[in-house]
């Protein structure tokens, strides 16, 4: 069996949870089947069962024209480049709307089944119009076209599955839930302090990790710091701003709140492991989150988690056991939950240990790769029986 992945993100170009997902899933699957990855960039990798090739946008996309539309049109041109080369896989698997176009084309050109993984849904991210302008209407169109024509859709949580069925005309039998996972060898508690020394992080701190995006709710955490117990700093690690304007807006918010330290730079995994491990707790104030791999990272590093009760977070963070769930976009409720953990170190330690146990039992990439391989096998058998002789 061979699968061809279409994806925007692949190492070293990883910006968010989808990139983390694809990096780990492709490697674990390659121990079971042949995997080819076609991605955005200049990547090139040749291993016995894992091949990776990067692709770029048509050069004309950056030569004048209407700059407002270059981002979306450039994405589509990269997708055309991906599907231009011969495909010898048994099925194709697209991740996010960025790679939906080549998946849809490959299904029809090669008459092979299409799997789409949903890491977020465009209809539930209206703030993307702030980032993309009218191009947002193209992204929603291609996502709808791909999902409604896919032979299998992977939802990363039961909540995400319900949202997919609510917003698209899809047979429920075609939508399967396979959770995201975590590399338990990488994400472990660490006593290292090099990163915090390099960034001048002193004393007790709580941690936020995420993109500079309305989706991630960083502004609500900054506002909550006015109600968090004194003597604690909030360290915000961010990257990949949706827009320069939003980045400047957040900068002004940070400057107005002296207890927030902002690391606006993509760090290495070992840096994040250390920052998680040294924090008093991790905070995920997202207003929309189909899953939230960052919460698994924190739990694997034995940290209690305070997170918004939205999307897949409700299936990852066990309220009162591995942390607390709070209403989204509610700074006071967020602060109250943070203070609860800060004021009880034994509780925080117990929650951290429970979190580590939970990720070990339910979210290993090895088991997720096996479930994905089995889903491929079932789909191919179904495809053969329904397309015999066509």
Protein backbone atom coordinates (compact mmCIF):
# COMPACT_ATOMS: atom_id res chain seq x y z
CA UNK A 1 0.00 0.00 0.00
CA UNK A 2 1.20 3.53 -0.80
CA UNK A 3 -0.27 6.89 0.18
CA UNK A 4 0.60 10.31 -1.24
CA UNK A 5 0.25 13.20 1.25
CA UNK A 6 -0.52 16.72 0.07
CA UNK A 7 0.30 19.32 2.72
CA UNK A 8 1.37 22.90 3.16
CA UNK A 9 3.55 22.23 6.20
CA UNK A 10 6.41 19.78 6.51
CA UNK A 11 9.72 20.14 8.40
CA UNK A 12 11.46 22.49 8.58
CA UNK A 13 8.40 24.58 7.56
CA UNK A 14 6.11 23.82 10.51
CA UNK A 15 3.95 26.67 11.79
CA UNK A 16 1.15 25.01 13.73
CA UNK A 17 -0.60 21.86 14.85
CA UNK A 18 -1.25 20.56 11.32
CA UNK A 19 2.49 20.58 10.60
CA UNK A 20 3.25 18.74 13.83
CA UNK A 21 0.56 16.19 12.93
CA UNK A 22 1.89 15.52 9.43
CA UNK A 23 5.53 15.31 10.54
CA UNK A 24 4.77 12.60 13.07
CA UNK A 25 2.06 10.74 11.18
CA UNK A 26 4.14 10.44 8.00
CA UNK A 27 7.10 8.98 9.89
CA UNK A 28 5.04 6.51 11.89
CA UNK A 29 3.07 5.44 8.79
CA UNK A 30 6.34 4.90 6.91
CA UNK A 31 7.07 2.04 9.30
CA UNK A 32 3.88 0.37 8.04
CA UNK A 33 3.38 1.40 4.39
CA UNK A 34 5.04 3.47 1.64
CA UNK A 35 4.55 7.22 2.12
CA UNK A 36 5.18 10.07 -0.33
CA UNK A 37 4.83 13.66 0.88
CA UNK A 38 4.32 16.63 -1.46
CA UNK A 39 4.56 19.90 0.45
CA UNK A 40 5.21 23.65 0.20
CA UNK A 41 8.90 24.52 0.14
CA UNK A 42 12.20 23.06 -1.06
CA UNK A 43 12.29 19.92 1.05
CA UNK A 44 13.85 16.73 -0.34
CA UNK A 45 14.08 13.46 1.54
CA UNK A 46 14.65 9.91 0.32
CA UNK A 47 14.28 7.12 2.85
CA UNK A 48 13.29 3.48 2.22
CA UNK A 49 9.53 4.04 2.74
CA UNK A 50 9.34 7.84 3.02
CA UNK A 51 9.87 10.27 0.14
CA UNK A 52 9.40 14.04 0.52
CA UNK A 53 9.41 16.68 -2.21
CA UNK A 54 8.81 20.40 -1.80
CA UNK A 55 6.93 22.52 -4.34
CA UNK A 56 6.71 26.25 -4.97
CA UNK A 57 4.26 28.75 -6.42
CA UNK A 58 4.28 29.81 -10.05
CA UNK A 59 6.80 32.68 -10.32
CA UNK A 60 4.21 35.02 -11.84
CA UNK A 61 2.35 34.99 -8.51
CA UNK A 62 4.95 37.43 -7.14
CA UNK A 63 5.36 39.52 -10.28
CA UNK A 64 2.99 42.46 -9.91
CA UNK A 65 -0.65 41.69 -10.55
CA UNK A 66 -3.16 42.22 -7.73
CA UNK A 67 -1.13 41.70 -4.53
CA UNK A 68 -4.22 41.21 -2.37
CA UNK A 69 -4.89 37.89 -4.10
CA UNK A 70 -1.32 36.60 -4.44
CA UNK A 71 -1.50 34.51 -1.26
CA UNK A 72 -4.51 32.41 -2.27
CA UNK A 73 -3.62 32.24 -5.97
CA UNK A 74 -0.04 31.34 -5.09
CA UNK A 75 -1.36 28.55 -2.90
CA UNK A 76 -3.47 27.22 -5.77
CA UNK A 77 -0.50 27.36 -8.15
CA UNK A 78 1.61 25.38 -5.67
CA UNK A 79 -1.19 22.83 -5.56
CA UNK A 80 -1.09 22.52 -9.34
CA UNK A 81 2.66 21.93 -9.15
CA UNK A 82 2.08 19.15 -6.61
CA UNK A 83 -0.35 17.25 -8.81
CA UNK A 84 1.56 17.87 -12.06
CA UNK A 85 4.05 15.04 -11.46
CA UNK A 86 3.00 11.40 -11.88
CA UNK A 87 1.28 9.78 -8.91
CA UNK A 88 1.74 6.06 -8.33
CA UNK A 89 0.01 5.87 -4.94
CA UNK A 90 -3.07 3.80 -4.12
CA UNK A 91 -4.75 6.83 -2.54
CA UNK A 92 -4.10 10.49 -1.77
CA UNK A 93 -4.49 12.25 1.57
CA UNK A 94 -4.83 16.05 1.79
CA UNK A 95 -4.29 18.09 4.95
CA UNK A 96 -6.03 21.49 5.38
CA UNK A 97 -7.60 23.65 2.64
CA UNK A 98 -4.13 24.64 1.45
CA UNK A 99 -3.67 21.18 -0.03
CA UNK A 100 -7.29 20.37 -0.87
CA UNK A 101 -7.02 21.44 -4.52
CA UNK A 102 -4.32 18.91 -5.55
CA UNK A 103 -6.14 16.18 -3.64
CA UNK A 104 -9.39 16.88 -5.49
CA UNK A 105 -7.58 16.98 -8.85
CA UNK A 106 -5.62 13.77 -8.14
CA UNK A 107 -8.78 11.86 -7.24
CA UNK A 108 -10.35 12.72 -10.58
CA UNK A 109 -7.24 12.48 -12.76
CA UNK A 110 -6.02 9.15 -11.42
CA UNK A 111 -9.34 7.66 -10.28
CA UNK A 112 -8.04 6.88 -6.82
CA UNK A 113 -9.70 7.57 -3.47
CA UNK A 114 -9.24 10.87 -1.64
CA UNK A 115 -8.86 11.25 2.12
CA UNK A 116 -9.05 14.73 3.67
CA UNK A 117 -7.91 15.52 7.21
CA UNK A 118 -9.69 18.50 8.77
CA UNK A 119 -7.43 20.42 11.14
CA UNK A 120 -9.77 23.44 11.12
CA UNK A 121 -12.77 24.62 9.13
CA UNK A 122 -12.86 27.85 7.14
CA UNK A 123 -16.55 28.63 7.93
CA UNK A 124 -15.63 28.66 11.62
CA UNK A 125 -12.72 31.07 11.15
CA UNK A 126 -14.38 34.27 9.85
CA UNK A 127 -11.41 36.33 11.10
CA UNK A 128 -9.47 34.81 8.18
CA UNK A 129 -11.16 37.42 5.99
CA UNK A 130 -9.13 39.99 7.94
CA UNK A 131 -6.00 38.12 6.80
CA UNK A 132 -6.97 37.10 3.25
CA UNK A 133 -9.58 39.64 2.17
CA UNK A 134 -11.86 38.38 -0.60
CA UNK A 135 -9.50 35.44 -1.15
CA UNK A 136 -11.17 33.93 1.93
CA UNK A 137 -14.18 33.15 -0.28
CA UNK A 138 -11.92 31.07 -2.55
CA UNK A 139 -10.49 29.14 0.39
CA UNK A 140 -13.98 28.28 1.64
CA UNK A 141 -14.97 27.18 -1.87
CA UNK A 142 -12.06 24.78 -2.35
CA UNK A 143 -12.49 23.35 1.15
CA UNK A 144 -16.19 22.69 0.47
CA UNK A 145 -15.46 21.16 -2.94
CA UNK A 146 -12.78 18.83 -1.60
CA UNK A 147 -14.62 17.71 1.53
CA UNK A 148 -17.92 17.04 -0.22
CA UNK A 149 -16.09 14.92 -2.82
CA UNK A 150 -13.73 13.11 -0.45
CA UNK A 151 -14.11 9.37 0.08
CA UNK A 152 -13.04 9.62 3.71
CA UNK A 153 -12.73 12.61 6.01
CA UNK A 154 -10.62 12.43 9.15
CA UNK A 155 -11.87 14.57 12.03
CA UNK A 156 -9.38 15.09 14.84
CA UNK A 157 -12.11 15.05 17.50
CA UNK A 158 -15.76 14.08 17.90
CA UNK A 159 -16.63 17.77 18.18
CA UNK A 160 -14.86 18.47 14.89
CA UNK A 161 -16.81 15.62 13.26
CA UNK A 162 -20.08 17.23 14.37
CA UNK A 163 -18.98 20.59 12.93
CA UNK A 164 -18.06 18.99 9.59
CA UNK A 165 -21.47 17.36 9.31
CA UNK A 166 -23.20 20.60 10.29
CA UNK A 167 -21.51 22.74 7.64
CA UNK A 168 -21.20 20.35 4.68
CA UNK A 169 -23.36 17.89 2.77
CA UNK A 170 -21.49 14.71 3.66
CA UNK A 171 -22.54 11.14 4.39
CA UNK A 172 -21.79 10.65 8.12
CA UNK A 173 -20.36 7.20 7.34
CA UNK A 174 -17.50 8.87 5.47
CA UNK A 175 -16.34 10.93 8.48
CA UNK A 176 -14.05 9.09 10.91
CA UNK A 177 -12.53 10.38 14.15
CA UNK A 178 -8.79 9.79 14.61
CA UNK A 179 -7.21 11.95 17.28
CA UNK A 180 -3.96 13.85 16.98
CA UNK A 181 -1.01 12.47 18.90
CA UNK A 182 2.27 13.25 20.60
CA UNK A 183 5.83 11.94 20.36
CA UNK A 184 6.34 10.73 23.90
CA UNK A 185 10.10 10.41 23.42
CA UNK A 186 10.43 14.12 22.55
CA UNK A 187 7.88 15.62 24.93
CA UNK A 188 9.03 14.79 28.45
CA UNK A 189 9.57 16.74 31.65
CA UNK A 190 12.99 18.46 31.54
CA UNK A 191 15.04 20.11 34.29
CA UNK A 192 17.07 22.09 31.75
CA UNK A 193 16.97 25.88 32.22
CA UNK A 194 19.11 27.13 29.34
CA UNK A 195 16.23 28.60 27.31
CA UNK A 196 14.75 30.59 30.17
CA UNK A 197 18.19 31.99 30.97
CA UNK A 198 18.70 32.99 27.33
CA UNK A 199 15.38 34.86 27.29
CA UNK A 200 15.75 36.36 30.77
CA UNK A 201 12.72 34.55 32.25
CA UNK A 202 12.97 34.81 36.02
CA UNK A 203 10.73 33.54 38.80
CA UNK A 204 7.37 31.80 38.42
CA UNK A 205 5.60 32.02 35.08
CA UNK A 206 2.61 30.63 33.21
CA UNK A 207 3.02 29.73 29.54
CA UNK A 208 1.15 30.33 26.27
CA UNK A 209 2.24 28.84 22.93
CA UNK A 210 0.44 29.59 19.66
CA UNK A 211 0.19 31.60 16.48
CA UNK A 212 -0.53 35.33 16.44
CA UNK A 213 -4.14 34.78 15.44
CA UNK A 214 -7.58 35.75 16.73
CA UNK A 215 -8.26 32.01 16.93
CA UNK A 216 -5.69 31.46 19.67
CA UNK A 217 -7.16 34.03 22.08
CA UNK A 218 -3.88 35.49 23.32
CA UNK A 219 -5.56 38.85 23.93
CA UNK A 220 -7.89 37.25 26.50
CA UNK A 221 -4.91 35.87 28.42
CA UNK A 222 -3.21 39.28 28.40
CA UNK A 223 -6.40 40.83 29.78
CA UNK A 224 -6.65 38.06 32.40
CA UNK A 225 -3.23 38.95 33.81
CA UNK A 226 -4.80 41.97 35.57
CA UNK A 227 -6.63 39.45 37.79
CA UNK A 228 -3.89 36.81 38.18
CA UNK A 229 -2.12 36.65 41.54
CA UNK A 230 0.97 38.92 41.78
CA UNK A 231 4.49 37.56 41.48
CA UNK A 232 3.74 35.50 38.36
CA UNK A 233 4.75 36.38 34.80
CA UNK A 234 2.98 35.27 31.62
CA UNK A 235 5.36 34.09 28.89
CA UNK A 236 3.78 34.10 25.41
CA UNK A 237 5.63 32.15 22.71
CA UNK A 238 4.24 32.94 19.27
CA UNK A 239 5.04 32.73 15.57
CA UNK A 240 3.46 33.14 12.12
CA UNK A 241 1.23 36.22 12.61
CA UNK A 242 -1.94 36.24 10.51
CA UNK A 243 -1.28 39.88 9.59
CA UNK A 244 1.26 42.57 10.42
CA UNK A 245 -1.61 44.72 11.73
CA UNK A 246 -2.62 42.02 14.23
CA UNK A 247 0.98 41.62 15.32
CA UNK A 248 1.20 45.36 16.03
CA UNK A 249 -2.11 45.24 17.92
CA UNK A 250 -0.78 42.46 20.16
CA UNK A 251 2.49 44.33 20.64
CA UNK A 252 0.56 47.31 22.02
CA UNK A 253 -1.38 45.01 24.35
CA UNK A 254 1.83 43.44 25.66
CA UNK A 255 3.47 46.83 26.21
CA UNK A 256 0.46 47.87 28.30
CA UNK A 257 0.73 44.79 30.55
CA UNK A 258 4.13 44.69 32.29
CA UNK A 259 3.64 41.11 33.53
CA UNK A 260 3.64 39.67 30.01
CA UNK A 261 6.88 38.62 28.31
CA UNK A 262 6.52 38.03 24.57
CA UNK A 263 8.84 35.70 22.64
CA UNK A 264 7.67 36.38 19.10
CA UNK A 265 9.89 33.84 17.36
CA UNK A 266 9.65 30.21 16.26
CA UNK A 267 11.72 28.13 18.68
CA UNK A 268 13.03 24.57 18.49
CA UNK A 269 11.20 21.65 20.08
CA UNK A 270 13.75 21.32 22.86
CA UNK A 271 13.18 24.98 23.77
CA UNK A 272 9.44 24.45 24.08
CA UNK A 273 9.95 21.27 26.14
CA UNK A 274 12.04 23.26 28.59
CA UNK A 275 9.59 26.17 28.76
CA UNK A 276 6.64 23.87 29.36
CA UNK A 277 8.53 21.94 32.05
CA UNK A 278 9.65 25.04 33.96
CA UNK A 279 6.24 26.75 33.92
CA UNK A 280 3.74 26.67 36.78
CA UNK A 281 0.99 25.76 34.30
CA UNK A 282 0.03 26.03 30.64
CA UNK A 283 -2.82 28.21 29.35
CA UNK A 284 -4.74 27.66 26.09
CA UNK A 285 -7.31 30.49 25.70
CA UNK A 286 -8.36 29.61 22.12
CA UNK A 287 -11.80 30.64 20.92
CA UNK A 288 -11.77 27.88 18.28
CA UNK A 289 -9.70 24.69 18.42
CA UNK A 290 -10.64 21.45 16.61
CA UNK A 291 -8.08 19.60 18.73
CA UNK A 292 -5.15 21.55 20.21
CA UNK A 293 -1.89 19.57 20.09
CA UNK A 294 -0.25 22.18 22.33
CA UNK A 295 -2.30 20.86 25.25
CA UNK A 296 -0.87 17.38 24.68
CA UNK A 297 2.63 18.87 24.66
CA UNK A 298 2.05 20.53 28.02
CA UNK A 299 0.45 17.41 29.52
CA UNK A 300 3.34 15.26 28.28
CA UNK A 301 5.70 17.63 30.12
CA UNK A 302 3.63 17.07 33.29
CA UNK A 303 2.01 20.49 33.40
CA UNK A 304 -1.52 21.30 34.49
CA UNK A 305 -3.57 22.96 31.71
CA UNK A 306 -6.14 25.75 31.91
CA UNK A 307 -7.95 25.86 28.57
CA UNK A 308 -11.08 27.14 26.87
CA UNK A 309 -13.96 24.67 26.79
CA UNK A 310 -14.17 24.67 22.98
CA UNK A 311 -13.87 22.07 20.24
CA UNK A 312 -11.58 19.12 20.76
CA UNK A 313 -10.07 20.64 23.91
CA UNK A 314 -13.08 19.27 25.77
CA UNK A 315 -11.98 15.76 24.75
CA UNK A 316 -8.32 16.26 25.65
CA UNK A 317 -8.24 18.20 28.93
CA UNK A 318 -10.18 16.42 31.67
CA UNK A 319 -11.78 19.14 33.78
CA UNK A 320 -10.67 18.93 37.40
CA UNK A 321 -8.25 16.06 36.66
CA UNK A 322 -5.59 17.22 34.18
CA UNK A 323 -6.52 20.90 34.46
CA UNK A 324 -9.53 23.18 34.17
CA UNK A 325 -11.84 24.10 31.31
CA UNK A 326 -13.18 27.67 31.24
CA UNK A 327 -15.62 29.60 29.02
CA UNK A 328 -13.88 31.08 25.95
CA UNK A 329 -13.19 34.83 25.68
CA UNK A 330 -13.74 35.31 29.42
CA UNK A 331 -10.57 36.82 30.99
CA UNK A 332 -11.95 36.78 34.54
CA UNK A 333 -12.92 33.10 34.41
CA UNK A 334 -9.51 32.35 32.90
CA UNK A 335 -7.75 34.22 35.72
CA UNK A 336 -9.82 32.47 38.41
CA UNK A 337 -8.85 29.03 37.10
CA UNK A 338 -5.19 30.04 36.77
CA UNK A 339 -5.18 31.28 40.37
CA UNK A 340 -6.70 27.99 41.57
CA UNK A 341 -3.73 26.08 40.18
CA UNK A 342 -1.15 28.65 41.27
CA UNK A 343 -2.37 28.56 44.88
CA UNK A 344 -2.12 24.78 45.25
CA UNK A 345 1.21 23.26 44.19
CA UNK A 346 0.13 19.74 45.18
CA UNK A 347 -2.94 20.05 42.97
CA UNK A 348 -0.81 21.33 40.09
CA UNK A 349 1.60 18.43 40.48
CA UNK A 350 -1.22 15.87 40.59
CA UNK A 351 -2.81 17.37 37.48
CA UNK A 352 0.53 17.28 35.68
CA UNK A 353 1.05 13.61 36.50
CA UNK A 354 -2.51 12.78 35.44
CA UNK A 355 -1.92 14.62 32.17
CA UNK A 356 1.22 12.63 31.42
CA UNK A 357 -0.61 9.37 32.12
CA UNK A 358 -3.47 10.41 29.85
CA UNK A 359 -1.27 11.15 26.83
CA UNK A 360 0.63 7.89 27.32
CA UNK A 361 -2.61 5.90 27.35
CA UNK A 362 -4.54 7.63 24.54
CA UNK A 363 -2.40 9.78 22.24
CA UNK A 364 0.69 7.92 20.99
CA UNK A 365 1.50 8.40 17.29
CA UNK A 366 2.18 4.70 16.89
CA UNK A 367 -1.43 3.79 17.67
CA UNK A 368 -2.74 6.69 15.57
CA UNK A 369 -0.67 5.57 12.56
CA UNK A 370 -2.06 2.05 12.93
CA UNK A 371 -5.64 3.38 12.97
CA UNK A 372 -4.90 5.48 9.89
CA UNK A 373 -3.40 2.51 8.03
CA UNK A 374 -6.46 0.40 8.90
CA UNK A 375 -8.77 3.18 7.66
CA UNK A 376 -6.84 3.25 4.35
CA UNK A 377 -7.22 -0.52 4.01
CA UNK A 378 -10.98 -0.42 4.59
CA UNK A 379 -11.36 2.43 2.11
CA UNK A 380 -9.37 0.67 -0.61
CA UNK A 381 -11.44 -2.50 -0.24
CA UNK A 382 -14.63 -0.45 -0.49
CA UNK A 383 -13.26 1.46 -3.51
CA UNK A 384 -12.36 -1.74 -5.35
CA UNK A 385 -15.80 -3.23 -4.82
CA UNK A 386 -17.68 -0.11 -5.95
CA UNK A 387 -15.38 0.83 -8.86
CA UNK A 388 -14.68 -2.62 -10.32
CA UNK A 389 -14.67 -2.44 -14.11
CA UNK A 390 -14.98 1.36 -14.24
